[in-house]
Amino acid sequence: MSGKPVKECIDNVSFLSLSGMEPLPVPHNKLVPIYGYDIYRNYYSFMVSNITSKICIIGHPGLMQNGLDRTIDNDKTYAPPSN
């Protein structure tokens, strides 16, 4: 987490353009490219589509490794569904 709030960490790993990483399969990443090398060092790539899931934070979106940032407690980006 490197001192970042949990919401920011989820935002970062959900971002499609991070080099060398496949993003989390969240709804805005309905089509995700997967890149890699097989055991023979042959490069491959393929597209994965529509395998998404909504991420919910139960608790504080501002939870950090060393404390709590209450300034983003009202952010509803990853709010759980209400019944």
Protein backbone atom coordinates (compact mmCIF):
# COMPACT_ATOMS: atom_id res chain seq x y z
CA MET A 1 0.00 0.00 0.00
CA SER A 2 3.02 2.29 0.47
CA GLY A 3 1.08 4.75 2.63
CA LYS A 4 -1.79 5.10 0.14
CA PRO A 5 -5.50 4.72 1.03
CA VAL A 6 -7.15 1.43 0.04
CA LYS A 7 -9.39 3.26 -2.48
CA GLU A 8 -6.34 4.67 -4.28
CA CYS A 9 -4.70 1.22 -4.34
CA ILE A 10 -7.80 -0.29 -5.97
CA ASP A 11 -7.92 2.59 -8.46
CA ASN A 12 -4.28 1.98 -9.38
CA VAL A 13 -4.57 -1.77 -9.96
CA SER A 14 -7.80 -1.27 -11.93
CA PHE A 15 -6.14 1.08 -14.41
CA LEU A 16 -5.70 -0.58 -17.79
CA SER A 17 -2.56 1.31 -18.86
CA LEU A 18 -0.18 0.25 -16.11
CA SER A 19 2.77 -1.27 -17.94
CA GLY A 20 3.42 -4.94 -17.38
CA MET A 21 0.31 -5.58 -15.29
CA GLU A 22 -3.10 -6.95 -16.10
CA PRO A 23 -5.70 -4.74 -14.43
CA LEU A 24 -8.31 -5.99 -12.02
CA PRO A 25 -11.34 -7.25 -13.92
CA VAL A 26 -13.67 -4.42 -12.87
CA PRO A 27 -16.70 -3.30 -14.93
CA HIS A 28 -14.87 -0.53 -16.80
CA ASN A 29 -12.30 -3.13 -17.99
CA LYS A 30 -14.70 -5.27 -20.03
CA LEU A 31 -11.97 -6.02 -22.60
CA VAL A 32 -8.52 -6.68 -21.15
CA PRO A 33 -5.37 -7.64 -23.06
CA ILE A 34 -3.25 -10.37 -21.45
CA TYR A 35 0.44 -10.58 -22.39
CA GLY A 36 3.13 -13.03 -21.37
CA TYR A 37 5.66 -15.68 -22.27
CA ASP A 38 5.20 -19.43 -22.20
CA ILE A 39 7.72 -21.86 -20.71
CA TYR A 40 9.63 -21.83 -24.03
CA ARG A 41 9.95 -18.02 -23.90
CA ASN A 42 7.47 -17.59 -26.78
CA TYR A 43 5.53 -14.35 -26.49
CA TYR A 44 1.74 -14.55 -26.47
CA SER A 45 -1.21 -12.21 -26.11
CA PHE A 46 -4.96 -12.60 -26.05
CA MET A 47 -8.03 -10.62 -25.08
CA VAL A 48 -10.31 -11.47 -22.19
CA SER A 49 -13.79 -10.00 -22.26
CA ASN A 50 -16.76 -9.62 -19.95
CA ILE A 51 -15.26 -11.39 -16.95
CA THR A 52 -15.83 -8.50 -14.60
CA SER A 53 -16.89 -8.01 -11.02
CA LYS A 54 -17.77 -4.96 -8.98
CA ILE A 55 -15.34 -4.26 -6.15
CA CYS A 56 -16.83 -3.09 -2.86
CA ILE A 57 -15.06 -1.63 0.16
CA ILE A 58 -16.70 -2.60 3.42
CA GLY A 59 -15.42 -0.02 5.88
CA HIS A 60 -13.27 3.03 5.22
CA PRO A 61 -12.04 3.79 1.68
CA GLY A 62 -9.39 5.95 3.37
CA LEU A 63 -7.89 3.07 5.37
CA MET A 64 -4.10 3.17 5.10
CA GLN A 65 -1.26 1.00 6.30
CA ASN A 66 -0.44 3.53 9.01
CA GLY A 67 -3.79 5.17 9.75
CA LEU A 68 -6.98 6.51 8.27
CA ASP A 69 -7.62 9.34 5.79
CA ARG A 70 -11.17 10.44 6.64
CA THR A 71 -11.25 13.00 3.80
CA ILE A 72 -12.37 10.28 1.36
CA ASP A 73 -14.86 8.51 3.64
CA ASN A 74 -17.75 9.96 1.60
CA ASP A 75 -16.38 8.64 -1.70
CA LYS A 76 -18.92 6.09 -2.96
CA THR A 77 -16.87 4.69 -5.88
CA TYR A 78 -16.60 1.27 -4.24
CA ALA A 79 -19.69 1.44 -2.01
CA PRO A 80 -21.43 -1.89 -1.47
CA PRO A 81 -24.93 -2.26 -2.94
CA SER A 82 -27.73 -1.40 -0.57
CA ASN A 83 -30.62 -3.79 -0.11
